[in-house]
Amino acid sequence: MRHSFVSNFVAKFRSIGEAAQQAGDSESIIRKHYLDLKTTEEAEQFIGILPKQARASAGPQAAKREDYVRHVDEEATKAEAKAKGGVADGASGPSE
């Protein structure tokens, strides 16, 4: 289960550093043992798994989880844009 979680976390959120924090490992351990080339779709399905009872009674905890997931997605998008030389926060880039 741990291996699946870490592999899918990296696939969904594209953050080896965050995965290392979540798993309590170093980034080098994550790279060495947990990069199982999962698709984003596979990761979405895995991360979305909840027991039937939890789905029915999730309430505020589910909202907090969704907020966290949304935040991590936004940060990953910003990091990708920055790495590609783009601007991720809607501000215009340098003028030519």
N, C-alpha and C. Protein backbone atom coordinates (compact mmCIF):
# COMPACT_ATOMS: atom_id res chain seq x y z
N MET A 1 0.82 -1.19 0.00
CA MET A 1 0.00 0.00 0.00
C MET A 1 0.87 1.26 0.00
N ARG A 2 1.95 1.25 0.76
CA ARG A 2 2.85 2.40 0.82
C ARG A 2 3.44 2.68 -0.57
N HIS A 3 3.90 1.62 -1.23
CA HIS A 3 4.49 1.77 -2.56
C HIS A 3 3.48 2.37 -3.53
N SER A 4 2.26 1.86 -3.49
CA SER A 4 1.20 2.38 -4.37
C SER A 4 0.92 3.84 -4.07
N PHE A 5 0.82 4.19 -2.79
CA PHE A 5 0.54 5.57 -2.42
C PHE A 5 1.61 6.51 -2.95
N VAL A 6 2.86 6.20 -2.68
CA VAL A 6 3.95 7.10 -3.07
C VAL A 6 4.02 7.21 -4.60
N SER A 7 3.94 6.08 -5.30
CA SER A 7 4.00 6.10 -6.76
C SER A 7 2.86 6.93 -7.35
N ASN A 8 1.66 6.75 -6.84
CA ASN A 8 0.51 7.49 -7.34
C ASN A 8 0.55 8.96 -6.92
N PHE A 9 1.07 9.25 -5.75
CA PHE A 9 1.20 10.63 -5.29
C PHE A 9 2.12 11.40 -6.24
N VAL A 10 3.25 10.80 -6.60
CA VAL A 10 4.18 11.45 -7.52
C VAL A 10 3.53 11.64 -8.89
N ALA A 11 2.79 10.63 -9.35
CA ALA A 11 2.13 10.73 -10.66
C ALA A 11 1.09 11.85 -10.67
N LYS A 12 0.32 11.98 -9.60
CA LYS A 12 -0.73 12.99 -9.57
C LYS A 12 -0.18 14.39 -9.33
N PHE A 13 0.68 14.55 -8.34
CA PHE A 13 1.10 15.88 -7.92
C PHE A 13 2.45 16.31 -8.49
N ARG A 14 3.17 15.41 -9.13
CA ARG A 14 4.45 15.73 -9.78
C ARG A 14 5.44 16.39 -8.83
N SER A 15 5.43 15.92 -7.59
CA SER A 15 6.33 16.51 -6.59
C SER A 15 7.03 15.42 -5.80
N ILE A 16 8.27 15.15 -6.16
CA ILE A 16 9.05 14.16 -5.43
C ILE A 16 9.33 14.66 -4.01
N GLY A 17 9.57 15.96 -3.86
CA GLY A 17 9.84 16.53 -2.54
C GLY A 17 8.66 16.37 -1.60
N GLU A 18 7.45 16.67 -2.09
CA GLU A 18 6.25 16.52 -1.25
C GLU A 18 6.01 15.05 -0.94
N ALA A 19 6.23 14.17 -1.92
CA ALA A 19 6.06 12.73 -1.68
C ALA A 19 7.04 12.25 -0.60
N ALA A 20 8.25 12.76 -0.65
CA ALA A 20 9.25 12.38 0.35
C ALA A 20 8.80 12.81 1.75
N GLN A 21 8.24 14.02 1.85
CA GLN A 21 7.74 14.48 3.15
C GLN A 21 6.58 13.62 3.62
N GLN A 22 5.64 13.33 2.73
CA GLN A 22 4.48 12.52 3.11
C GLN A 22 4.90 11.12 3.57
N ALA A 23 5.91 10.56 2.89
CA ALA A 23 6.34 9.19 3.20
C ALA A 23 7.40 9.12 4.29
N GLY A 24 7.98 10.27 4.65
CA GLY A 24 9.04 10.26 5.65
C GLY A 24 10.35 9.69 5.11
N ASP A 25 10.57 9.87 3.81
CA ASP A 25 11.78 9.39 3.15
C ASP A 25 12.52 10.55 2.52
N SER A 26 13.72 10.27 2.02
CA SER A 26 14.46 11.29 1.28
C SER A 26 14.02 11.26 -0.18
N GLU A 27 14.31 12.33 -0.88
CA GLU A 27 13.97 12.39 -2.31
C GLU A 27 14.72 11.31 -3.08
N SER A 28 15.95 11.00 -2.67
CA SER A 28 16.72 9.97 -3.39
C SER A 28 16.06 8.59 -3.22
N ILE A 29 15.50 8.32 -2.05
CA ILE A 29 14.79 7.04 -1.85
C ILE A 29 13.55 6.99 -2.72
N ILE A 30 12.83 8.11 -2.81
CA ILE A 30 11.64 8.15 -3.66
C ILE A 30 12.03 7.86 -5.11
N ARG A 31 13.09 8.53 -5.58
CA ARG A 31 13.54 8.31 -6.96
C ARG A 31 13.98 6.86 -7.19
N LYS A 32 14.65 6.28 -6.21
CA LYS A 32 15.21 4.94 -6.37
C LYS A 32 14.14 3.84 -6.31
N HIS A 33 13.12 4.02 -5.44
CA HIS A 33 12.21 2.91 -5.19
C HIS A 33 10.76 3.11 -5.60
N TYR A 34 10.33 4.33 -5.84
CA TYR A 34 8.90 4.57 -5.97
C TYR A 34 8.43 5.18 -7.28
N LEU A 35 9.28 5.36 -8.25
CA LEU A 35 8.84 5.97 -9.50
C LEU A 35 8.37 4.91 -10.48
N ASP A 36 7.13 4.50 -10.31
CA ASP A 36 6.53 3.45 -11.15
C ASP A 36 5.71 4.01 -12.29
N LEU A 37 6.11 5.03 -12.92
CA LEU A 37 5.46 5.59 -14.10
C LEU A 37 3.96 5.34 -14.19
N LYS A 38 3.25 5.83 -13.22
CA LYS A 38 1.78 5.77 -13.23
C LYS A 38 1.26 6.92 -14.07
N THR A 39 0.12 6.71 -14.71
CA THR A 39 -0.50 7.81 -15.45
C THR A 39 -1.25 8.70 -14.47
N THR A 40 -1.53 9.91 -14.91
CA THR A 40 -2.30 10.83 -14.07
C THR A 40 -3.68 10.24 -13.79
N GLU A 41 -4.27 9.60 -14.79
CA GLU A 41 -5.60 8.99 -14.61
C GLU A 41 -5.57 7.88 -13.56
N GLU A 42 -4.54 7.03 -13.61
CA GLU A 42 -4.40 5.98 -12.60
C GLU A 42 -4.25 6.59 -11.21
N ALA A 43 -3.46 7.64 -11.13
CA ALA A 43 -3.24 8.30 -9.84
C ALA A 43 -4.53 8.92 -9.32
N GLU A 44 -5.30 9.57 -10.19
CA GLU A 44 -6.59 10.16 -9.79
C GLU A 44 -7.50 9.10 -9.19
N GLN A 45 -7.57 7.95 -9.85
CA GLN A 45 -8.43 6.87 -9.35
C GLN A 45 -7.94 6.39 -7.98
N PHE A 46 -6.64 6.19 -7.85
CA PHE A 46 -6.10 5.68 -6.60
C PHE A 46 -6.29 6.68 -5.46
N ILE A 47 -5.94 7.94 -5.69
CA ILE A 47 -6.04 8.97 -4.65
C ILE A 47 -7.50 9.17 -4.24
N GLY A 48 -8.43 8.93 -5.15
CA GLY A 48 -9.85 9.13 -4.87
C GLY A 48 -10.53 7.98 -4.15
N ILE A 49 -9.81 6.92 -3.87
CA ILE A 49 -10.42 5.75 -3.21
C ILE A 49 -10.77 6.09 -1.76
N LEU A 50 -12.01 5.87 -1.40
CA LEU A 50 -12.47 6.02 -0.02
C LEU A 50 -13.39 4.85 0.30
N PRO A 51 -13.34 4.33 1.51
CA PRO A 51 -14.31 3.30 1.90
C PRO A 51 -15.73 3.88 1.85
N LYS A 52 -16.73 3.03 1.65
CA LYS A 52 -18.12 3.49 1.57
C LYS A 52 -18.51 4.31 2.79
N GLN A 53 -18.16 3.89 3.98
CA GLN A 53 -18.49 4.63 5.20
C GLN A 53 -17.86 6.01 5.18
N ALA A 54 -16.62 6.09 4.75
CA ALA A 54 -15.92 7.38 4.73
C ALA A 54 -16.57 8.33 3.74
N ARG A 55 -17.02 7.81 2.60
CA ARG A 55 -17.69 8.66 1.62
C ARG A 55 -18.97 9.24 2.20
N ALA A 56 -19.70 8.41 2.92
CA ALA A 56 -20.99 8.84 3.46
C ALA A 56 -20.82 9.85 4.60
N SER A 57 -19.76 9.70 5.38
CA SER A 57 -19.60 10.56 6.55
C SER A 57 -18.40 11.49 6.45
N ALA A 58 -17.88 11.68 5.26
CA ALA A 58 -16.65 12.47 5.09
C ALA A 58 -16.80 13.90 5.58
N GLY A 59 -17.91 14.54 5.27
CA GLY A 59 -18.20 15.90 5.75
C GLY A 59 -17.05 16.86 5.59
N PRO A 60 -16.74 17.62 6.66
CA PRO A 60 -15.71 18.65 6.59
C PRO A 60 -14.32 18.12 6.24
N GLN A 61 -14.01 16.90 6.64
CA GLN A 61 -12.70 16.34 6.32
C GLN A 61 -12.52 16.21 4.82
N ALA A 62 -13.57 15.81 4.11
CA ALA A 62 -13.49 15.69 2.65
C ALA A 62 -13.24 17.05 2.03
N ALA A 63 -13.88 18.08 2.56
CA ALA A 63 -13.68 19.43 2.03
C ALA A 63 -12.23 19.87 2.24
N LYS A 64 -11.68 19.58 3.43
CA LYS A 64 -10.29 19.93 3.69
C LYS A 64 -9.36 19.20 2.74
N ARG A 65 -9.65 17.92 2.50
CA ARG A 65 -8.83 17.11 1.59
C ARG A 65 -8.90 17.69 0.19
N GLU A 66 -10.09 18.05 -0.26
CA GLU A 66 -10.26 18.63 -1.59
C GLU A 66 -9.51 19.96 -1.71
N ASP A 67 -9.55 20.77 -0.66
CA ASP A 67 -8.81 22.04 -0.66
C ASP A 67 -7.31 21.77 -0.77
N TYR A 68 -6.84 20.78 -0.02
CA TYR A 68 -5.42 20.43 -0.06
C TYR A 68 -5.02 19.95 -1.46
N VAL A 69 -5.83 19.07 -2.03
CA VAL A 69 -5.55 18.54 -3.37
C VAL A 69 -5.52 19.68 -4.38
N ARG A 70 -6.50 20.58 -4.30
CA ARG A 70 -6.55 21.72 -5.21
C ARG A 70 -5.30 22.59 -5.06
N HIS A 71 -4.90 22.84 -3.80
CA HIS A 71 -3.71 23.65 -3.55
C HIS A 71 -2.45 23.01 -4.14
N VAL A 72 -2.28 21.72 -3.93
CA VAL A 72 -1.10 21.03 -4.45
C VAL A 72 -1.12 21.03 -5.97
N ASP A 73 -2.30 20.84 -6.58
CA ASP A 73 -2.41 20.91 -8.05
C ASP A 73 -2.00 22.28 -8.56
N GLU A 74 -2.46 23.34 -7.90
CA GLU A 74 -2.11 24.71 -8.32
C GLU A 74 -0.61 24.95 -8.20
N GLU A 75 -0.01 24.49 -7.11
CA GLU A 75 1.43 24.67 -6.91
C GLU A 75 2.21 23.90 -7.97
N ALA A 76 1.76 22.70 -8.30
CA ALA A 76 2.45 21.91 -9.34
C ALA A 76 2.35 22.60 -10.69
N THR A 77 1.19 23.17 -10.99
CA THR A 77 1.00 23.89 -12.26
C THR A 77 1.93 25.10 -12.32
N LYS A 78 2.02 25.83 -11.22
CA LYS A 78 2.91 27.00 -11.17
C LYS A 78 4.36 26.58 -11.36
N ALA A 79 4.77 25.51 -10.70
CA ALA A 79 6.14 25.03 -10.81
C ALA A 79 6.46 24.58 -12.24
N GLU A 80 5.51 23.90 -12.88
CA GLU A 80 5.71 23.47 -14.26
C GLU A 80 5.85 24.66 -15.19
N ALA A 81 5.00 25.66 -15.01
CA ALA A 81 5.05 26.86 -15.85
C ALA A 81 6.37 27.60 -15.64
N LYS A 82 6.80 27.69 -14.39
CA LYS A 82 8.05 28.38 -14.09
C LYS A 82 9.23 27.63 -14.71
N ALA A 83 9.20 26.29 -14.64
CA ALA A 83 10.27 25.49 -15.21
C ALA A 83 10.34 25.64 -16.72
N LYS A 84 9.19 25.89 -17.35
CA LYS A 84 9.14 26.06 -18.80
C LYS A 84 9.40 27.51 -19.21
N GLY A 85 9.61 28.38 -18.23
CA GLY A 85 9.90 29.77 -18.53
C GLY A 85 8.66 30.63 -18.65
N GLY A 86 7.50 30.07 -18.30
CA GLY A 86 6.25 30.81 -18.37
C GLY A 86 5.95 31.49 -17.06
N VAL A 87 4.82 32.16 -17.03
CA VAL A 87 4.35 32.82 -15.83
C VAL A 87 3.09 32.10 -15.40
N ALA A 88 3.04 31.60 -14.16
CA ALA A 88 1.93 30.77 -13.74
C ALA A 88 0.85 31.51 -12.97
N ASP A 89 1.13 32.70 -12.47
CA ASP A 89 0.13 33.35 -11.60
C ASP A 89 -0.72 34.37 -12.33
N GLY A 90 -0.73 34.36 -13.65
CA GLY A 90 -1.58 35.26 -14.40
C GLY A 90 -0.94 36.60 -14.69
N ALA A 91 0.20 36.89 -14.10
CA ALA A 91 0.88 38.15 -14.37
C ALA A 91 1.56 38.06 -15.73
N SER A 92 1.74 39.19 -16.35
CA SER A 92 2.41 39.18 -17.65
C SER A 92 3.91 39.04 -17.45
N GLY A 93 4.54 38.46 -18.44
CA GLY A 93 5.98 38.27 -18.37
C GLY A 93 6.71 39.55 -18.72
N PRO A 94 8.03 39.48 -18.80
CA PRO A 94 8.81 40.67 -19.11
C PRO A 94 8.50 41.18 -20.51
N SER A 95 8.50 42.49 -20.67
CA SER A 95 8.24 43.09 -21.97
C SER A 95 9.47 43.01 -22.83
N GLU A 96 9.24 42.91 -24.14
CA GLU A 96 10.38 42.87 -25.06
C GLU A 96 10.69 44.22 -25.58
